[in-house]
Protein backbone atom coordinates (compact mmCIF):
# COMPACT_ATOMS: atom_id res chain seq x y z
CA UNK A 1 0.00 0.00 0.00
CA UNK A 2 1.09 3.56 -0.57
CA UNK A 3 1.49 6.01 2.28
CA UNK A 4 -1.58 7.93 1.03
CA UNK A 5 -3.65 4.73 1.04
CA UNK A 6 -2.53 3.97 4.58
CA UNK A 7 -3.38 7.50 5.73
CA UNK A 8 -6.86 7.06 4.24
CA UNK A 9 -7.32 3.71 6.01
CA UNK A 10 -6.11 5.09 9.36
CA UNK A 11 -8.44 8.10 9.05
CA UNK A 12 -11.37 5.78 8.25
CA UNK A 13 -10.48 3.61 11.24
CA UNK A 14 -10.34 6.73 13.42
CA UNK A 15 -13.77 7.80 12.19
CA UNK A 16 -15.19 4.33 12.85
CA UNK A 17 -13.91 4.52 16.45
CA UNK A 18 -15.34 8.05 16.89
CA UNK A 19 -11.88 9.53 17.45
CA UNK A 20 -11.96 12.25 14.80
CA UNK A 21 -13.39 15.12 16.84
CA UNK A 22 -11.71 18.39 17.79
CA UNK A 23 -12.62 17.84 21.44
CA UNK A 24 -10.37 14.74 21.46
CA UNK A 25 -7.19 16.65 20.53
CA UNK A 26 -5.73 16.76 24.07
CA UNK A 27 -6.26 13.04 24.60
CA UNK A 28 -4.80 12.26 21.20
CA UNK A 29 -1.74 14.40 21.87
CA UNK A 30 -1.17 12.32 25.01
CA UNK A 31 -1.35 9.18 22.83
CA UNK A 32 1.29 10.67 20.52
CA UNK A 33 3.61 11.29 23.47
CA UNK A 34 2.91 7.80 24.87
CA UNK A 35 3.80 6.14 21.57
CA UNK A 36 6.97 8.22 21.15
CA UNK A 37 7.94 7.23 24.70
CA UNK A 38 7.45 3.56 23.81
CA UNK A 39 9.57 4.11 20.70
CA UNK A 40 12.33 5.62 22.81
CA UNK A 41 12.27 2.66 25.19
CA UNK A 42 12.35 0.18 22.30
CA UNK A 43 15.35 1.90 20.75
CA UNK A 44 17.21 1.98 24.06
CA UNK A 45 16.48 -1.75 24.54
CA UNK A 46 17.55 -2.44 20.94
CA UNK A 47 14.22 -4.24 20.38
CA UNK A 48 13.83 -4.05 16.60
CA UNK A 49 10.31 -5.52 16.48
CA UNK A 50 9.02 -3.11 19.14
CA UNK A 51 10.82 -0.23 17.40
CA UNK A 52 9.03 -0.99 14.13
CA UNK A 53 5.70 -1.35 15.94
CA UNK A 54 6.24 1.89 17.83
CA UNK A 55 7.14 3.87 14.71
CA UNK A 56 3.92 2.62 13.12
CA UNK A 57 1.90 3.46 16.23
CA UNK A 58 3.43 6.96 16.31
CA UNK A 59 2.39 7.47 12.67
CA UNK A 60 -1.14 6.31 13.47
CA UNK A 61 -1.49 8.68 16.41
CA UNK A 62 -0.15 11.61 14.37
CA UNK A 63 -2.47 10.85 11.45
CA UNK A 64 -5.46 10.79 13.79
CA UNK A 65 -4.30 14.01 15.47
CA UNK A 66 -3.93 15.62 12.05
CA UNK A 67 -7.47 14.59 11.14
CA UNK A 68 -8.80 16.00 14.41
CA UNK A 69 -7.09 19.31 13.60
CA UNK A 70 -8.18 19.17 9.93
CA UNK A 71 -4.56 19.29 8.76
CA UNK A 72 -3.38 17.05 5.94
CA UNK A 73 -0.43 14.89 7.09
CA UNK A 74 1.03 15.24 3.59
CA UNK A 75 0.74 19.04 3.77
CA UNK A 76 2.34 19.16 7.23
CA UNK A 77 5.22 16.95 6.08
CA UNK A 78 5.67 19.02 2.92
CA UNK A 79 5.81 22.20 4.99
CA UNK A 80 8.41 20.66 7.31
CA UNK A 81 10.49 19.47 4.36
CA UNK A 82 10.33 22.89 2.69
CA UNK A 83 11.60 24.38 5.94
CA UNK A 84 14.62 22.06 6.19
CA UNK A 85 15.55 21.31 2.58
CA UNK A 86 18.02 24.17 2.18
CA UNK A 87 19.43 24.21 5.69
CA UNK A 88 23.14 24.05 6.07
CA UNK A 89 25.04 22.87 9.08
CA UNK A 90 26.91 19.91 10.43
CA UNK A 91 26.24 16.65 12.19
CA UNK A 92 27.76 16.45 15.65
CA UNK A 93 27.41 13.38 17.85
CA UNK A 94 24.58 12.13 15.63
CA UNK A 95 22.58 15.39 15.77
CA UNK A 96 22.24 17.92 12.94
CA UNK A 97 23.24 21.39 14.11
CA UNK A 98 21.96 24.01 11.68
CA UNK A 99 24.01 27.06 10.80
CA UNK A 100 22.68 30.29 12.28
CA UNK A 101 22.24 31.90 8.86
CA UNK A 102 20.01 29.00 7.73
CA UNK A 103 17.57 29.56 10.61
PDB file of N, CA and C in Angstrom:
ATOM      1  N   UNK A   1       0.835  -1.189   0.000  1.00  0.00           N
ATOM      2  CA  UNK A   1       0.000   0.000   0.000  1.00  0.00           C
ATOM      3  C   UNK A   1       0.877   1.248   0.000  1.00  0.00           C
ATOM      4  N   UNK A   2       0.363   2.296  -0.600  1.00  0.00           N
ATOM      5  CA  UNK A   2       1.091   3.561  -0.574  1.00  0.00           C
ATOM      6  C   UNK A   2       0.846   4.256   0.766  1.00  0.00           C
ATOM      7  N   UNK A   3       1.660   5.250   1.045  1.00  0.00           N
ATOM      8  CA  UNK A   3       1.487   6.013   2.279  1.00  0.00           C
ATOM      9  C   UNK A   3       0.122   6.712   2.279  1.00  0.00           C
ATOM     10  N   UNK A   4      -0.270   7.263   1.131  1.00  0.00           N
ATOM     11  CA  UNK A   4      -1.580   7.926   1.031  1.00  0.00           C
ATOM     12  C   UNK A   4      -2.724   6.950   1.297  1.00  0.00           C
ATOM     13  N   UNK A   5      -2.615   5.733   0.786  1.00  0.00           N
ATOM     14  CA  UNK A   5      -3.654   4.727   1.042  1.00  0.00           C
ATOM     15  C   UNK A   5      -3.715   4.386   2.528  1.00  0.00           C
ATOM     16  N   UNK A   6      -2.564   4.279   3.152  1.00  0.00           N
ATOM     17  CA  UNK A   6      -2.531   3.972   4.580  1.00  0.00           C
ATOM     18  C   UNK A   6      -3.111   5.119   5.409  1.00  0.00           C
ATOM     19  N   UNK A   7      -2.795   6.351   5.035  1.00  0.00           N
ATOM     20  CA  UNK A   7      -3.381   7.504   5.732  1.00  0.00           C
ATOM     21  C   UNK A   7      -4.899   7.431   5.642  1.00  0.00           C
ATOM     22  N   UNK A   8      -5.414   7.169   4.450  1.00  0.00           N
ATOM     23  CA  UNK A   8      -6.865   7.064   4.236  1.00  0.00           C
ATOM     24  C   UNK A   8      -7.471   5.975   5.133  1.00  0.00           C
ATOM     25  N   UNK A   9      -6.814   4.817   5.178  1.00  0.00           N
ATOM     26  CA  UNK A   9      -7.323   3.714   6.006  1.00  0.00           C
ATOM     27  C   UNK A   9      -7.284   4.063   7.501  1.00  0.00           C
ATOM     28  N   UNK A  10      -6.210   4.705   7.950  1.00  0.00           N
ATOM     29  CA  UNK A  10      -6.110   5.094   9.361  1.00  0.00           C
ATOM     30  C   UNK A  10      -7.193   6.115   9.697  1.00  0.00           C
ATOM     31  N   UNK A  11      -7.390   7.098   8.813  1.00  0.00           N
ATOM     32  CA  UNK A  11      -8.440   8.097   9.051  1.00  0.00           C
ATOM     33  C   UNK A  11      -9.817   7.434   9.116  1.00  0.00           C
ATOM     34  N   UNK A  12     -10.088   6.494   8.213  1.00  0.00           N
ATOM     35  CA  UNK A  12     -11.374   5.784   8.252  1.00  0.00           C
ATOM     36  C   UNK A  12     -11.521   4.996   9.543  1.00  0.00           C
ATOM     37  N   UNK A  13     -10.448   4.344   9.979  1.00  0.00           N
ATOM     38  CA  UNK A  13     -10.483   3.613  11.239  1.00  0.00           C
ATOM     39  C   UNK A  13     -10.780   4.574  12.391  1.00  0.00           C
ATOM     40  N   UNK A  14     -10.115   5.730  12.380  1.00  0.00           N
ATOM     41  CA  UNK A  14     -10.341   6.726  13.425  1.00  0.00           C
ATOM     42  C   UNK A  14     -11.781   7.213  13.453  1.00  0.00           C
ATOM     43  N   UNK A  15     -12.349   7.411  12.264  1.00  0.00           N
ATOM     44  CA  UNK A  15     -13.770   7.804  12.190  1.00  0.00           C
ATOM     45  C   UNK A  15     -14.656   6.690  12.749  1.00  0.00           C
ATOM     46  N   UNK A  16     -14.361   5.450  12.399  1.00  0.00           N
ATOM     47  CA  UNK A  16     -15.189   4.328  12.854  1.00  0.00           C
ATOM     48  C   UNK A  16     -15.133   4.151  14.370  1.00  0.00           C
ATOM     49  N   UNK A  17     -14.063   4.613  14.981  1.00  0.00           N
ATOM     50  CA  UNK A  17     -13.907   4.520  16.448  1.00  0.00           C
ATOM     51  C   UNK A  17     -14.308   5.825  17.141  1.00  0.00           C
ATOM     52  N   UNK A  18     -14.861   6.762  16.363  1.00  0.00           N
ATOM     53  CA  UNK A  18     -15.339   8.049  16.890  1.00  0.00           C
ATOM     54  C   UNK A  18     -14.225   8.872  17.543  1.00  0.00           C
ATOM     55  N   UNK A  19     -13.033   8.785  16.937  1.00  0.00           N
ATOM     56  CA  UNK A  19     -11.884   9.528  17.453  1.00  0.00           C
ATOM     57  C   UNK A  19     -11.705  10.882  16.786  1.00  0.00           C
ATOM     58  N   UNK A  20     -12.237  11.051  15.594  1.00  0.00           N
ATOM     59  CA  UNK A  20     -11.962  12.250  14.801  1.00  0.00           C
ATOM     60  C   UNK A  20     -12.924  13.366  15.193  1.00  0.00           C
ATOM     61  N   UNK A  21     -12.626  13.983  16.327  1.00  0.00           N
ATOM     62  CA  UNK A  21     -13.391  15.121  16.842  1.00  0.00           C
ATOM     63  C   UNK A  21     -12.406  16.095  17.469  1.00  0.00           C
ATOM     64  N   UNK A  22     -12.618  17.378  17.239  1.00  0.00           N
ATOM     65  CA  UNK A  22     -11.706  18.392  17.785  1.00  0.00           C
ATOM     66  C   UNK A  22     -11.611  18.326  19.312  1.00  0.00           C
ATOM     67  N   UNK A  23     -12.680  17.895  19.979  1.00  0.00           N
ATOM     68  CA  UNK A  23     -12.625  17.843  21.443  1.00  0.00           C
ATOM     69  C   UNK A  23     -11.777  16.667  21.956  1.00  0.00           C
ATOM     70  N   UNK A  24     -11.252  15.838  21.062  1.00  0.00           N
ATOM     71  CA  UNK A  24     -10.371  14.740  21.461  1.00  0.00           C
ATOM     72  C   UNK A  24      -8.888  15.065  21.278  1.00  0.00           C
ATOM     73  N   UNK A  25      -8.576  16.291  20.871  1.00  0.00           N
ATOM     74  CA  UNK A  25      -7.194  16.650  20.532  1.00  0.00           C
ATOM     75  C   UNK A  25      -6.249  16.453  21.720  1.00  0.00           C
ATOM     76  N   UNK A  26      -6.635  16.887  22.892  1.00  0.00           N
ATOM     77  CA  UNK A  26      -5.735  16.756  24.066  1.00  0.00           C
ATOM     78  C   UNK A  26      -5.424  15.298  24.360  1.00  0.00           C
ATOM     79  N   UNK A  27      -6.468  14.461  24.336  1.00  0.00           N
ATOM     80  CA  UNK A  27      -6.257  13.037  24.603  1.00  0.00           C
ATOM     81  C   UNK A  27      -5.380  12.400  23.525  1.00  0.00           C
ATOM     82  N   UNK A  28      -5.595  12.828  22.283  1.00  0.00           N
ATOM     83  CA  UNK A  28      -4.802  12.263  21.196  1.00  0.00           C
ATOM     84  C   UNK A  28      -3.350  12.697  21.292  1.00  0.00           C
ATOM     85  N   UNK A  29      -3.123  13.934  21.711  1.00  0.00           N
ATOM     86  CA  UNK A  29      -1.745  14.395  21.874  1.00  0.00           C
ATOM     87  C   UNK A  29      -1.045  13.567  22.943  1.00  0.00           C
ATOM     88  N   UNK A  30      -1.753  13.197  23.994  1.00  0.00           N
ATOM     89  CA  UNK A  30      -1.167  12.317  25.015  1.00  0.00           C
ATOM     90  C   UNK A  30      -0.814  10.957  24.432  1.00  0.00           C
ATOM     91  N   UNK A  31      -1.653  10.453  23.504  1.00  0.00           N
ATOM     92  CA  UNK A  31      -1.349   9.185  22.835  1.00  0.00           C
ATOM     93  C   UNK A  31      -0.081   9.312  21.984  1.00  0.00           C
ATOM     94  N   UNK A  32       0.077  10.444  21.314  1.00  0.00           N
ATOM     95  CA  UNK A  32       1.289  10.670  20.518  1.00  0.00           C
ATOM     96  C   UNK A  32       2.516  10.581  21.426  1.00  0.00           C
ATOM     97  N   UNK A  33       2.473  11.281  22.541  1.00  0.00           N
ATOM     98  CA  UNK A  33       3.606  11.291  23.475  1.00  0.00           C
ATOM     99  C   UNK A  33       3.851   9.884  24.033  1.00  0.00           C
ATOM    100  N   UNK A  34       2.789   9.174  24.358  1.00  0.00           N
ATOM    101  CA  UNK A  34       2.911   7.804  24.868  1.00  0.00           C
ATOM    102  C   UNK A  34       3.628   6.914  23.848  1.00  0.00           C
ATOM    103  N   UNK A  35       3.199   6.986  22.599  1.00  0.00           N
ATOM    104  CA  UNK A  35       3.804   6.139  21.567  1.00  0.00           C
ATOM    105  C   UNK A  35       5.260   6.510  21.309  1.00  0.00           C
ATOM    106  N   UNK A  36       5.578   7.805  21.337  1.00  0.00           N
ATOM    107  CA  UNK A  36       6.967   8.222  21.152  1.00  0.00           C
ATOM    108  C   UNK A  36       7.816   7.747  22.343  1.00  0.00           C
ATOM    109  N   UNK A  37       7.240   7.760  23.528  1.00  0.00           N
ATOM    110  CA  UNK A  37       7.939   7.229  24.699  1.00  0.00           C
ATOM    111  C   UNK A  37       8.223   5.742  24.551  1.00  0.00           C
ATOM    112  N   UNK A  38       7.238   4.985  24.047  1.00  0.00           N
ATOM    113  CA  UNK A  38       7.446   3.558  23.812  1.00  0.00           C
ATOM    114  C   UNK A  38       8.514   3.333  22.746  1.00  0.00           C
ATOM    115  N   UNK A  39       8.540   4.192  21.741  1.00  0.00           N
ATOM    116  CA  UNK A  39       9.571   4.106  20.704  1.00  0.00           C
ATOM    117  C   UNK A  39      10.952   4.334  21.314  1.00  0.00           C
ATOM    118  N   UNK A  40      11.061   5.332  22.146  1.00  0.00           N
ATOM    119  CA  UNK A  40      12.329   5.624  22.807  1.00  0.00           C
ATOM    120  C   UNK A  40      12.808   4.419  23.619  1.00  0.00           C
ATOM    121  N   UNK A  41      11.903   3.828  24.375  1.00  0.00           N
ATOM    122  CA  UNK A  41      12.266   2.658  25.191  1.00  0.00           C
ATOM    123  C   UNK A  41      12.699   1.490  24.306  1.00  0.00           C
ATOM    124  N   UNK A  42      12.002   1.279  23.199  1.00  0.00           N
ATOM    125  CA  UNK A  42      12.348   0.176  22.300  1.00  0.00           C
ATOM    126  C   UNK A  42      13.734   0.374  21.695  1.00  0.00           C
ATOM    127  N   UNK A  43      14.033   1.610  21.322  1.00  0.00           N
ATOM    128  CA  UNK A  43      15.352   1.896  20.749  1.00  0.00           C
ATOM    129  C   UNK A  43      16.439   1.671  21.796  1.00  0.00           C
ATOM    130  N   UNK A  44      16.210   2.153  23.003  1.00  0.00           N
ATOM    131  CA  UNK A  44      17.205   1.976  24.064  1.00  0.00           C
ATOM    132  C   UNK A  44      17.434   0.503  24.391  1.00  0.00           C
ATOM    133  N   UNK A  45      16.374  -0.301  24.273  1.00  0.00           N
ATOM    134  CA  UNK A  45      16.480  -1.751  24.540  1.00  0.00           C
ATOM    135  C   UNK A  45      16.968  -2.530  23.323  1.00  0.00           C
ATOM    136  N   UNK A  46      17.127  -1.813  22.201  1.00  0.00           N
ATOM    137  CA  UNK A  46      17.548  -2.438  20.938  1.00  0.00           C
ATOM    138  C   UNK A  46      16.586  -3.546  20.520  1.00  0.00           C
ATOM    139  N   UNK A  47      15.287  -3.296  20.742  1.00  0.00           N
ATOM    140  CA  UNK A  47      14.224  -4.240  20.375  1.00  0.00           C
ATOM    141  C   UNK A  47      13.670  -3.830  19.014  1.00  0.00           C
ATOM    142  N   UNK A  48      14.180  -4.457  17.967  1.00  0.00           N
ATOM    143  CA  UNK A  48      13.829  -4.053  16.600  1.00  0.00           C
ATOM    144  C   UNK A  48      12.343  -4.211  16.312  1.00  0.00           C
ATOM    145  N   UNK A  49      11.738  -5.318  16.744  1.00  0.00           N
ATOM    146  CA  UNK A  49      10.308  -5.521  16.481  1.00  0.00           C
ATOM    147  C   UNK A  49       9.457  -4.455  17.162  1.00  0.00           C
ATOM    148  N   UNK A  50       9.762  -4.140  18.409  1.00  0.00           N
ATOM    149  CA  UNK A  50       9.017  -3.111  19.136  1.00  0.00           C
ATOM    150  C   UNK A  50       9.290  -1.733  18.547  1.00  0.00           C
ATOM    151  N   UNK A  51      10.502  -1.503  18.044  1.00  0.00           N
ATOM    152  CA  UNK A  51      10.824  -0.231  17.396  1.00  0.00           C
ATOM    153  C   UNK A  51       9.957  -0.039  16.163  1.00  0.00           C
ATOM    154  N   UNK A  52       9.861  -1.064  15.335  1.00  0.00           N
ATOM    155  CA  UNK A  52       9.029  -0.992  14.129  1.00  0.00           C
ATOM    156  C   UNK A  52       7.573  -0.750  14.502  1.00  0.00           C
ATOM    157  N   UNK A  53       7.081  -1.510  15.477  1.00  0.00           N
ATOM    158  CA  UNK A  53       5.696  -1.354  15.939  1.00  0.00           C
ATOM    159  C   UNK A  53       5.456   0.052  16.472  1.00  0.00           C
ATOM    160  N   UNK A  54       6.399   0.573  17.225  1.00  0.00           N
ATOM    161  CA  UNK A  54       6.237   1.894  17.829  1.00  0.00           C
ATOM    162  C   UNK A  54       6.290   3.018  16.801  1.00  0.00           C
ATOM    163  N   UNK A  55       7.126   2.871  15.775  1.00  0.00           N
ATOM    164  CA  UNK A  55       7.142   3.870  14.705  1.00  0.00           C
ATOM    165  C   UNK A  55       5.782   3.882  14.021  1.00  0.00           C
ATOM    166  N   UNK A  56       5.249   2.703  13.726  1.00  0.00           N
ATOM    167  CA  UNK A  56       3.922   2.622  13.117  1.00  0.00           C
ATOM    168  C   UNK A  56       2.857   3.229  13.999  1.00  0.00           C
ATOM    169  N   UNK A  57       2.890   2.910  15.296  1.00  0.00           N
ATOM    170  CA  UNK A  57       1.901   3.464  16.233  1.00  0.00           C
ATOM    171  C   UNK A  57       2.008   4.985  16.309  1.00  0.00           C
ATOM    172  N   UNK A  58       3.239   5.507  16.280  1.00  0.00           N
ATOM    173  CA  UNK A  58       3.428   6.965  16.307  1.00  0.00           C
ATOM    174  C   UNK A  58       2.813   7.597  15.058  1.00  0.00           C
ATOM    175  N   UNK A  59       3.026   6.982  13.894  1.00  0.00           N
ATOM    176  CA  UNK A  59       2.390   7.473  12.670  1.00  0.00           C
ATOM    177  C   UNK A  59       0.868   7.489  12.818  1.00  0.00           C
ATOM    178  N   UNK A  60       0.315   6.400  13.315  1.00  0.00           N
ATOM    179  CA  UNK A  60      -1.145   6.307  13.471  1.00  0.00           C
ATOM    180  C   UNK A  60      -1.657   7.432  14.362  1.00  0.00           C
ATOM    181  N   UNK A  61      -1.010   7.647  15.496  1.00  0.00           N
ATOM    182  CA  UNK A  61      -1.492   8.679  16.411  1.00  0.00           C
ATOM    183  C   UNK A  61      -1.368  10.070  15.802  1.00  0.00           C
ATOM    184  N   UNK A  62      -0.306  10.309  15.029  1.00  0.00           N
ATOM    185  CA  UNK A  62      -0.146  11.611  14.371  1.00  0.00           C
ATOM    186  C   UNK A  62      -1.149  11.802  13.239  1.00  0.00           C
ATOM    187  N   UNK A  63      -1.462  10.753  12.516  1.00  0.00           N
ATOM    188  CA  UNK A  63      -2.468  10.847  11.449  1.00  0.00           C
ATOM    189  C   UNK A  63      -3.832  11.168  12.042  1.00  0.00           C
ATOM    190  N   UNK A  64      -4.180  10.512  13.144  1.00  0.00           N
ATOM    191  CA  UNK A  64      -5.462  10.792  13.795  1.00  0.00           C
ATOM    192  C   UNK A  64      -5.479  12.212  14.343  1.00  0.00           C
ATOM    193  N   UNK A  65      -4.386  12.643  14.969  1.00  0.00           N
ATOM    194  CA  UNK A  65      -4.301  14.014  15.467  1.00  0.00           C
ATOM    195  C   UNK A  65      -4.454  15.013  14.320  1.00  0.00           C
ATOM    196  N   UNK A  66      -3.811  14.751  13.218  1.00  0.00           N
ATOM    197  CA  UNK A  66      -3.934  15.623  12.047  1.00  0.00           C
ATOM    198  C   UNK A  66      -5.379  15.721  11.584  1.00  0.00           C
ATOM    199  N   UNK A  67      -6.065  14.587  11.549  1.00  0.00           N
ATOM    200  CA  UNK A  67      -7.473  14.587  11.137  1.00  0.00           C
ATOM    201  C   UNK A  67      -8.325  15.381  12.117  1.00  0.00           C
ATOM    202  N   UNK A  68      -8.053  15.242  13.406  1.00  0.00           N
ATOM    203  CA  UNK A  68      -8.800  16.002  14.412  1.00  0.00           C
ATOM    204  C   UNK A  68      -8.607  17.499  14.229  1.00  0.00           C
ATOM    205  N   UNK A  69      -7.424  17.892  13.788  1.00  0.00           N
ATOM    206  CA  UNK A  69      -7.095  19.307  13.599  1.00  0.00           C
ATOM    207  C   UNK A  69      -7.384  19.782  12.175  1.00  0.00           C
ATOM    208  N   UNK A  70      -7.879  18.871  11.337  1.00  0.00           N
ATOM    209  CA  UNK A  70      -8.184  19.166   9.934  1.00  0.00           C
ATOM    210  C   UNK A  70      -6.954  19.673   9.186  1.00  0.00           C
ATOM    211  N   UNK A  71      -5.829  18.979   9.426  1.00  0.00           N
ATOM    212  CA  UNK A  71      -4.563  19.291   8.762  1.00  0.00           C
ATOM    213  C   UNK A  71      -4.126  18.038   8.010  1.00  0.00           C
ATOM    214  N   UNK A  72      -3.845  18.179   6.734  1.00  0.00           N
ATOM    215  CA  UNK A  72      -3.379  17.045   5.937  1.00  0.00           C
ATOM    216  C   UNK A  72      -1.983  16.632   6.403  1.00  0.00           C
ATOM    217  N   UNK A  73      -1.782  15.344   6.725  1.00  0.00           N
ATOM    218  CA  UNK A  73      -0.434  14.895   7.088  1.00  0.00           C
ATOM    219  C   UNK A  73       0.571  15.163   5.966  1.00  0.00           C
ATOM    220  N   UNK A  74       0.138  14.981   4.720  1.00  0.00           N
ATOM    221  CA  UNK A  74       1.030  15.243   3.590  1.00  0.00           C
ATOM    222  C   UNK A  74       1.429  16.714   3.554  1.00  0.00           C
ATOM    223  N   UNK A  75       0.463  17.602   3.773  1.00  0.00           N
ATOM    224  CA  UNK A  75       0.737  19.044   3.771  1.00  0.00           C
ATOM    225  C   UNK A  75       1.701  19.404   4.891  1.00  0.00           C
ATOM    226  N   UNK A  76       1.467  18.866   6.081  1.00  0.00           N
ATOM    227  CA  UNK A  76       2.341  19.158   7.228  1.00  0.00           C
ATOM    228  C   UNK A  76       3.761  18.683   6.956  1.00  0.00           C
ATOM    229  N   UNK A  77       3.894  17.476   6.390  1.00  0.00           N
ATOM    230  CA  UNK A  77       5.217  16.946   6.076  1.00  0.00           C
ATOM    231  C   UNK A  77       5.884  17.774   4.986  1.00  0.00           C
ATOM    232  N   UNK A  78       5.111  18.179   3.983  1.00  0.00           N
ATOM    233  CA  UNK A  78       5.671  19.017   2.919  1.00  0.00           C
ATOM    234  C   UNK A  78       6.160  20.348   3.479  1.00  0.00           C
ATOM    235  N   UNK A  79       5.401  20.943   4.383  1.00  0.00           N
ATOM    236  CA  UNK A  79       5.810  22.203   4.995  1.00  0.00           C
ATOM    237  C   UNK A  79       7.102  22.020   5.786  1.00  0.00           C
ATOM    238  N   UNK A  80       7.192  20.931   6.537  1.00  0.00           N
ATOM    239  CA  UNK A  80       8.407  20.661   7.310  1.00  0.00           C
ATOM    240  C   UNK A  80       9.598  20.449   6.384  1.00  0.00           C
ATOM    241  N   UNK A  81       9.395  19.699   5.305  1.00  0.00           N
ATOM    242  CA  UNK A  81      10.488  19.465   4.363  1.00  0.00           C
ATOM    243  C   UNK A  81      10.941  20.782   3.727  1.00  0.00           C
ATOM    244  N   UNK A  82       9.978  21.603   3.312  1.00  0.00           N
ATOM    245  CA  UNK A  82      10.327  22.886   2.694  1.00  0.00           C
ATOM    246  C   UNK A  82      11.123  23.770   3.646  1.00  0.00           C
ATOM    247  N   UNK A  83      10.885  23.603   4.939  1.00  0.00           N
ATOM    248  CA  UNK A  83      11.604  24.378   5.941  1.00  0.00           C
ATOM    249  C   UNK A  83      13.050  23.900   6.116  1.00  0.00           C
ATOM    250  N   UNK A  84      13.278  22.602   5.934  1.00  0.00           N
ATOM    251  CA  UNK A  84      14.620  22.061   6.194  1.00  0.00           C
ATOM    252  C   UNK A  84      15.465  21.836   4.950  1.00  0.00           C
ATOM    253  N   UNK A  85      14.845  21.784   3.778  1.00  0.00           N
ATOM    254  CA  UNK A  85      15.551  21.308   2.581  1.00  0.00           C
ATOM    255  C   UNK A  85      16.800  22.102   2.224  1.00  0.00           C
ATOM    256  N   UNK A  86      16.847  23.369   2.533  1.00  0.00           N
ATOM    257  CA  UNK A  86      18.016  24.174   2.180  1.00  0.00           C
ATOM    258  C   UNK A  86      18.892  24.527   3.376  1.00  0.00           C
ATOM    259  N   UNK A  87      18.618  23.915   4.505  1.00  0.00           N
ATOM    260  CA  UNK A  87      19.430  24.205   5.690  1.00  0.00           C
ATOM    261  C   UNK A  87      20.843  23.705   5.505  1.00  0.00           C
ATOM    262  N   UNK A  88      21.744  24.470   6.034  1.00  0.00           N
ATOM    263  CA  UNK A  88      23.139  24.054   6.071  1.00  0.00           C
ATOM    264  C   UNK A  88      23.543  23.896   7.524  1.00  0.00           C
ATOM    265  N   UNK A  89      24.558  23.104   7.726  1.00  0.00           N
ATOM    266  CA  UNK A  89      25.036  22.872   9.078  1.00  0.00           C
ATOM    267  C   UNK A  89      25.944  21.670   9.104  1.00  0.00           C
ATOM    268  N   UNK A  90      26.027  21.059  10.270  1.00  0.00           N
ATOM    269  CA  UNK A  90      26.909  19.908  10.433  1.00  0.00           C
ATOM    270  C   UNK A  90      26.250  18.908  11.379  1.00  0.00           C
ATOM    271  N   UNK A  91      26.695  17.689  11.273  1.00  0.00           N
ATOM    272  CA  UNK A  91      26.236  16.655  12.189  1.00  0.00           C
ATOM    273  C   UNK A  91      27.298  16.477  13.260  1.00  0.00           C
ATOM    274  N   UNK A  92      26.849  16.581  14.516  1.00  0.00           N
ATOM    275  CA  UNK A  92      27.760  16.454  15.647  1.00  0.00           C
ATOM    276  C   UNK A  92      27.150  15.474  16.632  1.00  0.00           C
ATOM    277  N   UNK A  93      27.887  14.412  16.930  1.00  0.00           N
ATOM    278  CA  UNK A  93      27.408  13.376  17.848  1.00  0.00           C
ATOM    279  C   UNK A  93      26.026  12.852  17.441  1.00  0.00           C
ATOM    280  N   UNK A  94      25.825  12.701  16.127  1.00  0.00           N
ATOM    281  CA  UNK A  94      24.578  12.133  15.627  1.00  0.00           C
ATOM    282  C   UNK A  94      23.417  13.101  15.536  1.00  0.00           C
ATOM    283  N   UNK A  95      23.636  14.385  15.825  1.00  0.00           N
ATOM    284  CA  UNK A  95      22.582  15.394  15.774  1.00  0.00           C
ATOM    285  C   UNK A  95      22.954  16.461  14.763  1.00  0.00           C
ATOM    286  N   UNK A  96      21.998  16.866  13.916  1.00  0.00           N
ATOM    287  CA  UNK A  96      22.244  17.920  12.944  1.00  0.00           C
ATOM    288  C   UNK A  96      22.138  19.263  13.636  1.00  0.00           C
ATOM    289  N   UNK A  97      23.191  20.049  13.535  1.00  0.00           N
ATOM    290  CA  UNK A  97      23.238  21.390  14.107  1.00  0.00           C
ATOM    291  C   UNK A  97      23.187  22.366  12.931  1.00  0.00           C
ATOM    292  N   UNK A  98      22.083  23.100  12.827  1.00  0.00           N
ATOM    293  CA  UNK A  98      21.956  24.009  11.678  1.00  0.00           C
ATOM    294  C   UNK A  98      22.797  25.265  11.900  1.00  0.00           C
ATOM    295  N   UNK A  99      23.292  25.792  10.768  1.00  0.00           N
ATOM    296  CA  UNK A  99      24.014  27.063  10.801  1.00  0.00           C
ATOM    297  C   UNK A  99      23.049  28.168  11.174  1.00  0.00           C
ATOM    298  N   UNK A 100      23.541  29.171  11.868  1.00  0.00           N
ATOM    299  CA  UNK A 100      22.681  30.290  12.281  1.00  0.00           C
ATOM    300  C   UNK A 100      22.050  30.993  11.097  1.00  0.00           C
ATOM    301  N   UNK A 101      22.796  31.176  10.005  1.00  0.00           N
ATOM    302  CA  UNK A 101      22.237  31.899   8.858  1.00  0.00           C
ATOM    303  C   UNK A 101      21.167  31.096   8.139  1.00  0.00           C
ATOM    304  N   UNK A 102      21.054  29.786   8.395  1.00  0.00           N
ATOM    305  CA  UNK A 102      20.007  29.003   7.734  1.00  0.00           C
ATOM    306  C   UNK A 102      18.763  28.861   8.606  1.00  0.00           C
ATOM    307  N   UNK A 103      18.723  29.594   9.722  1.00  0.00           N
ATOM    308  CA  UNK A 103      17.569  29.564  10.608  1.00  0.00           C
ATOM    309  C   UNK A 103      16.456  30.188   9.901  1.00  0.00           C
TER     310      UNK A 103
END
